[in-house]
């Protein structure tokens, strides 16, 4: 997915969360609802998260320099991981704290109709942001399932927003349910319980996001079919006797680093090796535009590594 599409999703979520956060805090102040206060905190955290994702995208576009010769592509992975930590530490932590505090010291929720109106508009705004994010994510998902698509996607900025907005909508429904039950039964327990459940939803979302972005941050290889195709092209090169291994690394969502170890035919002259490398380099980059740097090293024939044989 292009950076412009990613920014479109993030800007939509950022605008929606800013408007929602303001209305939720006003409603929490007027009604005294713990669930509404938790939802307000949730929206503030989401707004900050979108700002961090935009910052990560901006940093990832910086050109290579002497200190970072392969560029800053992993910045978007780092800030996506920070977003997961923010959701867990701030969003989930404060929501659970507020819920427990409200269960210990309950007090009536006033002007309940204000909460209903705010939650209704919030669901509408969050739904619009979620629709845009899912629509963009569906373009890269294809026929794959959601979980598989998330595992395979190397640009976390979009699926982070999908996760956030999905958790936000679920949290709004929980808050609405808690307020309705408290209003109908007169039992103050439901308001505090809703806040705790919202915190648990945020915590679960944060753990999942952290797990999905960890591999990208540490250093994931390109998709298996890309690695296989690169190996095939190397094996079809007439100057190459044997391909030892093909190693790949995602430096960023749109930057793949490739290292190929090959055994060149012994009869080749130095200039023939150079031309073979040049042709293979051009062919791979033409077939896979995300491959930006290729290193080809000549080594004596050896068996395929255990890690690569599993691809």
Protein backbone atom coordinates (compact mmCIF):
# COMPACT_ATOMS: atom_id res chain seq x y z
CA UNK A 1 0.00 0.00 0.00
CA UNK A 2 1.29 3.44 -0.91
CA UNK A 3 2.21 6.06 1.66
CA UNK A 4 -0.56 8.35 0.38
CA UNK A 5 -3.18 5.67 1.02
CA UNK A 6 -1.77 5.10 4.51
CA UNK A 7 -1.93 8.81 5.27
CA UNK A 8 -5.52 8.98 4.03
CA UNK A 9 -6.55 6.32 6.54
CA UNK A 10 -4.62 7.93 9.40
CA UNK A 11 -5.90 11.46 8.71
CA UNK A 12 -9.48 10.19 8.67
CA UNK A 13 -8.97 8.45 12.02
CA UNK A 14 -7.16 11.46 13.49
CA UNK A 15 -9.94 13.91 12.62
CA UNK A 16 -12.65 11.58 13.85
CA UNK A 17 -10.92 10.87 17.17
CA UNK A 18 -10.27 14.55 17.89
CA UNK A 19 -13.97 15.39 17.50
CA UNK A 20 -15.09 12.34 19.44
CA UNK A 21 -12.68 12.90 22.33
CA UNK A 22 -13.94 16.44 22.90
CA UNK A 23 -17.60 15.40 22.96
CA UNK A 24 -16.94 12.42 25.24
CA UNK A 25 -15.15 14.50 27.85
CA UNK A 26 -17.94 17.05 27.86
CA UNK A 27 -20.46 14.25 28.31
CA UNK A 28 -18.39 12.64 31.10
CA UNK A 29 -18.18 16.00 32.89
CA UNK A 30 -21.93 16.58 32.60
CA UNK A 31 -23.02 13.05 33.56
CA UNK A 32 -20.26 11.70 35.80
CA UNK A 33 -20.10 8.42 33.85
CA UNK A 34 -16.93 6.35 34.34
CA UNK A 35 -17.56 4.46 31.11
CA UNK A 36 -17.83 7.75 29.21
CA UNK A 37 -14.64 9.06 30.83
CA UNK A 38 -12.85 5.84 29.80
CA UNK A 39 -14.11 6.31 26.27
CA UNK A 40 -12.83 9.91 26.27
CA UNK A 41 -9.39 8.72 27.40
CA UNK A 42 -9.52 6.02 24.72
CA UNK A 43 -10.17 8.63 22.01
CA UNK A 44 -7.34 10.87 23.27
CA UNK A 45 -4.95 7.91 23.17
CA UNK A 46 -6.13 7.06 19.64
CA UNK A 47 -5.59 10.67 18.54
CA UNK A 48 -2.05 10.61 19.88
CA UNK A 49 -1.48 7.26 18.21
CA UNK A 50 -2.48 8.59 14.81
CA UNK A 51 -0.08 11.51 15.29
CA UNK A 52 2.71 9.01 16.10
CA UNK A 53 1.91 6.95 13.00
CA UNK A 54 2.05 10.07 10.82
CA UNK A 55 5.38 10.97 12.41
CA UNK A 56 6.65 7.44 11.74
CA UNK A 57 5.58 7.63 8.08
CA UNK A 58 7.30 11.01 7.71
CA UNK A 59 10.51 9.72 9.31
CA UNK A 60 10.48 6.55 7.18
CA UNK A 61 10.60 8.65 3.99
CA UNK A 62 13.91 10.28 4.93
CA UNK A 63 16.69 9.44 2.45
CA UNK A 64 19.70 7.33 3.49
CA UNK A 65 22.64 9.10 5.08
CA UNK A 66 26.03 8.21 6.51
CA UNK A 67 24.59 7.04 9.84
CA UNK A 68 21.69 5.09 8.30
CA UNK A 69 22.92 3.93 4.88
CA UNK A 70 19.77 1.90 4.20
CA UNK A 71 17.38 4.68 5.12
CA UNK A 72 14.83 5.13 7.90
CA UNK A 73 12.15 2.68 6.75
CA UNK A 74 12.01 0.88 10.10
CA UNK A 75 10.84 4.09 11.80
CA UNK A 76 7.25 3.23 10.86
CA UNK A 77 7.68 -0.17 12.55
CA UNK A 78 9.09 1.41 15.71
CA UNK A 79 6.32 3.97 16.07
CA UNK A 80 3.65 1.34 15.38
CA UNK A 81 5.11 -0.63 18.30
CA UNK A 82 5.04 2.50 20.47
CA UNK A 83 1.35 2.90 19.57
CA UNK A 84 0.68 -0.60 20.90
CA UNK A 85 2.46 0.25 24.16
CA UNK A 86 0.47 3.50 24.46
CA UNK A 87 -2.83 1.68 24.02
CA UNK A 88 -1.88 -0.85 26.69
CA UNK A 89 -0.26 1.43 29.26
CA UNK A 90 -2.47 4.52 28.96
CA UNK A 91 -5.75 3.44 27.42
CA UNK A 92 -6.20 0.06 29.09
CA UNK A 93 -4.55 1.02 32.37
CA UNK A 94 -6.58 4.16 33.03
CA UNK A 95 -9.86 2.57 31.88
CA UNK A 96 -9.47 -0.37 34.26
CA UNK A 97 -8.40 1.97 37.08
CA UNK A 98 -11.45 4.20 36.56
CA UNK A 99 -13.75 1.19 36.46
CA UNK A 100 -12.38 -0.31 39.68
CA UNK A 101 -12.49 3.10 41.37
CA UNK A 102 -16.14 3.53 40.33
CA UNK A 103 -17.04 0.09 41.69
CA UNK A 104 -15.44 0.97 45.02
CA UNK A 105 -17.02 4.45 45.21
CA UNK A 106 -20.13 4.42 42.98
CA UNK A 107 -22.24 7.50 42.31
CA UNK A 108 -25.25 8.03 40.04
CA UNK A 109 -24.85 8.88 36.35
CA UNK A 110 -26.67 12.15 35.64
CA UNK A 111 -28.22 13.44 32.38
CA UNK A 112 -28.10 10.02 30.79
CA UNK A 113 -29.58 11.29 27.54
CA UNK A 114 -26.37 13.27 26.93
CA UNK A 115 -24.42 10.01 26.99
CA UNK A 116 -26.81 8.40 24.54
CA UNK A 117 -26.48 11.28 22.09
CA UNK A 118 -22.68 11.42 22.34
CA UNK A 119 -22.27 7.65 22.01
CA UNK A 120 -24.58 7.62 19.00
CA UNK A 121 -22.53 10.28 17.20
CA UNK A 122 -19.28 8.62 18.29
CA UNK A 123 -20.34 5.29 16.80
CA UNK A 124 -21.23 7.14 13.58
CA UNK A 125 -17.85 8.95 13.40
CA UNK A 126 -15.82 5.86 14.37
CA UNK A 127 -17.78 3.81 11.87
CA UNK A 128 -16.84 6.24 9.10
CA UNK A 129 -13.15 6.07 10.01
CA UNK A 130 -13.33 2.28 10.31
CA UNK A 131 -15.00 2.00 6.90
CA UNK A 132 -12.21 3.99 5.22
CA UNK A 133 -9.51 1.93 6.94
CA UNK A 134 -11.13 -1.41 6.08
CA UNK A 135 -11.72 -0.30 2.48
CA UNK A 136 -8.04 0.54 2.01
CA UNK A 137 -6.92 -2.63 3.80
CA UNK A 138 -9.21 -4.74 1.60
CA UNK A 139 -7.31 -3.52 -1.47
CA UNK A 140 -4.18 -5.29 -0.28
CA UNK A 141 -5.94 -8.16 1.48
CA UNK A 142 -7.43 -9.63 -1.68
CA UNK A 143 -8.96 -13.04 -1.12
CA UNK A 144 -6.86 -13.76 1.93
CA UNK A 145 -8.44 -13.88 5.36
CA UNK A 146 -8.03 -10.92 7.70
CA UNK A 147 -5.58 -12.67 10.04
CA UNK A 148 -3.43 -13.96 7.17
CA UNK A 149 -3.42 -10.54 5.51
CA UNK A 150 -2.23 -8.88 8.73
CA UNK A 151 0.58 -11.46 9.06
CA UNK A 152 1.70 -10.86 5.48
CA UNK A 153 1.33 -7.07 5.34
CA UNK A 154 4.62 -5.21 5.77
CA UNK A 155 3.01 -1.79 6.27
CA UNK A 156 1.53 -1.75 9.79
CA UNK A 157 0.15 1.81 9.67
CA UNK A 158 -3.14 0.75 8.06
CA UNK A 159 -3.90 -2.40 10.04
CA UNK A 160 -3.03 -0.54 13.26
CA UNK A 161 -5.84 1.92 12.46
CA UNK A 162 -8.18 -0.99 11.60
CA UNK A 163 -7.40 -2.58 14.97
CA UNK A 164 -7.84 0.71 16.83
CA UNK A 165 -11.13 1.60 15.18
CA UNK A 166 -12.50 -1.91 15.66
CA UNK A 167 -11.61 -1.76 19.37
CA UNK A 168 -13.12 1.74 19.55
CA UNK A 169 -16.45 0.65 18.08
CA UNK A 170 -16.57 -2.38 20.37
CA UNK A 171 -15.72 -0.16 23.35
CA UNK A 172 -18.50 2.28 22.43
CA UNK A 173 -21.01 -0.57 22.28
CA UNK A 174 -19.83 -1.78 25.71
CA UNK A 175 -20.14 1.75 27.15
CA UNK A 176 -23.61 2.11 25.67
CA UNK A 177 -24.67 -1.25 27.09
CA UNK A 178 -23.32 -0.38 30.54
CA UNK A 179 -25.09 2.98 30.62
CA UNK A 180 -28.38 1.48 29.39
CA UNK A 181 -28.27 -1.31 32.01
CA UNK A 182 -27.43 1.18 34.74
CA UNK A 183 -30.23 3.48 33.64
CA UNK A 184 -32.85 0.72 33.42
CA UNK A 185 -31.94 -1.18 36.59
CA UNK A 186 -30.64 1.68 38.70
CA UNK A 187 -27.62 -0.49 39.55
CA UNK A 188 -24.41 1.60 39.51
CA UNK A 189 -22.33 -1.56 39.14
CA UNK A 190 -22.79 -1.66 35.34
CA UNK A 191 -21.09 1.69 34.68
CA UNK A 192 -17.87 0.65 36.44
CA UNK A 193 -17.99 -2.81 34.89
CA UNK A 194 -18.28 -1.31 31.40
CA UNK A 195 -15.16 0.77 32.03
CA UNK A 196 -13.22 -2.34 33.08
CA UNK A 197 -14.39 -4.28 30.00
CA UNK A 198 -13.30 -1.37 27.78
CA UNK A 199 -9.86 -1.55 29.42
CA UNK A 200 -9.66 -5.29 28.76
CA UNK A 201 -10.60 -4.74 25.09
CA UNK A 202 -7.87 -2.11 24.75
CA UNK A 203 -5.33 -4.34 26.50
CA UNK A 204 -6.10 -7.27 24.19
CA UNK A 205 -5.85 -5.02 21.13
CA UNK A 206 -2.51 -3.65 22.32
CA UNK A 207 -1.02 -7.12 22.89
CA UNK A 208 -2.08 -8.24 19.41
CA UNK A 209 -0.68 -5.11 17.78
CA UNK A 210 2.61 -5.47 19.66
CA UNK A 211 2.90 -9.10 18.53
CA UNK A 212 2.23 -8.25 14.88
CA UNK A 213 4.70 -5.34 14.76
CA UNK A 214 7.45 -7.10 16.73
CA UNK A 215 8.54 -9.26 13.81
CA UNK A 216 8.70 -6.27 11.48
CA UNK A 217 10.74 -4.32 14.01
CA UNK A 218 13.18 -7.17 14.61
CA UNK A 219 13.56 -7.83 10.87
CA UNK A 220 11.23 -9.99 8.76
CA UNK A 221 12.15 -11.48 5.41
CA UNK A 222 10.24 -10.78 2.22
CA UNK A 223 7.21 -12.93 1.44
CA UNK A 224 8.11 -16.58 0.66
CA UNK A 225 6.93 -16.30 -2.94
CA UNK A 226 9.22 -13.32 -3.48
CA UNK A 227 12.20 -15.22 -2.08
CA UNK A 228 11.40 -18.23 -4.28
CA UNK A 229 11.11 -16.06 -7.38
CA UNK A 230 14.45 -14.37 -6.70
CA UNK A 231 16.08 -17.79 -6.28
CA UNK A 232 14.49 -18.97 -9.54
CA UNK A 233 15.87 -15.98 -11.47
CA UNK A 234 19.32 -16.55 -10.01
CA UNK A 235 19.21 -20.24 -10.91
CA UNK A 236 18.22 -19.37 -14.50
CA UNK A 237 21.32 -17.20 -14.89
CA UNK A 238 23.64 -19.19 -17.26
CA UNK A 239 26.80 -17.94 -15.55
CA UNK A 240 25.74 -19.34 -12.16
CA UNK A 241 26.55 -22.95 -11.33
CA UNK A 242 24.63 -23.10 -8.03
CA UNK A 243 22.62 -20.76 -5.77
CA UNK A 244 23.70 -21.26 -2.17
CA UNK A 245 21.16 -19.06 -0.37
CA UNK A 246 18.87 -16.07 -0.79
CA UNK A 247 18.52 -13.81 2.24
CA UNK A 248 16.02 -10.94 2.34
CA UNK A 249 15.12 -8.28 4.87
CA UNK A 250 12.36 -5.66 4.96
CA UNK A 251 14.13 -2.41 5.81
CA UNK A 252 10.74 -0.70 5.50
CA UNK A 253 7.31 -1.25 3.94
CA UNK A 254 8.68 -0.30 0.51
CA UNK A 255 12.32 -1.40 0.82
CA UNK A 256 13.59 -4.97 0.55
CA UNK A 257 17.28 -5.76 0.96
CA UNK A 258 18.49 -8.91 -0.84
CA UNK A 259 21.71 -10.87 -0.35
CA UNK A 260 22.41 -13.77 -2.74
CA UNK A 261 25.24 -16.25 -2.34
CA UNK A 262 26.10 -18.06 -5.59
CA UNK A 263 28.77 -20.31 -7.03
CA UNK A 264 29.81 -18.89 -10.42
CA UNK A 265 31.14 -21.18 -13.13
CA UNK A 266 34.92 -21.51 -12.83
CA UNK A 267 35.50 -20.77 -16.51
CA UNK A 268 34.15 -17.20 -16.29
CA UNK A 269 36.34 -14.13 -16.64
CA UNK A 270 35.98 -11.23 -14.21
CA UNK A 271 34.15 -9.02 -16.71
CA UNK A 272 31.68 -11.85 -17.45
CA UNK A 273 30.89 -12.14 -13.75
CA UNK A 274 30.32 -8.40 -13.56
CA UNK A 275 27.90 -8.43 -16.50
CA UNK A 276 26.04 -11.43 -15.05
CA UNK A 277 25.60 -9.60 -11.73
CA UNK A 278 24.39 -6.48 -13.51
CA UNK A 279 21.78 -8.41 -15.55
CA UNK A 280 20.52 -10.36 -12.52
CA UNK A 281 20.31 -7.18 -10.45
CA UNK A 282 18.24 -5.41 -13.12
CA UNK A 283 15.96 -8.42 -13.67
CA UNK A 284 15.14 -8.82 -9.97
CA UNK A 285 14.44 -5.12 -9.46
CA UNK A 286 12.22 -5.03 -12.54
CA UNK A 287 10.18 -8.01 -11.32
CA UNK A 288 10.03 -6.80 -7.69
CA UNK A 289 10.06 -2.99 -7.44
CA UNK A 290 10.26 -3.12 -3.63
CA UNK A 291 13.75 -4.61 -3.92
CA UNK A 292 16.02 -1.57 -3.66
CA UNK A 293 19.44 -3.04 -2.84
CA UNK A 294 20.95 -6.36 -3.95
CA UNK A 295 24.26 -7.84 -2.86
CA UNK A 296 25.55 -10.86 -4.81
CA UNK A 297 28.56 -12.70 -3.41
CA UNK A 298 30.52 -15.54 -4.97
CA UNK A 299 31.13 -18.55 -2.76
CA UNK A 300 31.95 -22.22 -3.27
CA UNK A 301 28.96 -24.48 -3.67
CA UNK A 302 27.24 -25.46 -0.45
CA UNK A 303 23.85 -26.87 0.54
CA UNK A 304 20.84 -24.68 1.17
CA UNK A 305 20.55 -23.41 4.74
CA UNK A 306 17.94 -24.92 7.05
CA UNK A 307 16.10 -21.63 7.36
CA UNK A 308 15.79 -21.14 3.60
CA UNK A 309 14.89 -24.75 2.85
CA UNK A 310 11.77 -24.24 4.94
CA UNK A 311 10.49 -21.50 2.58
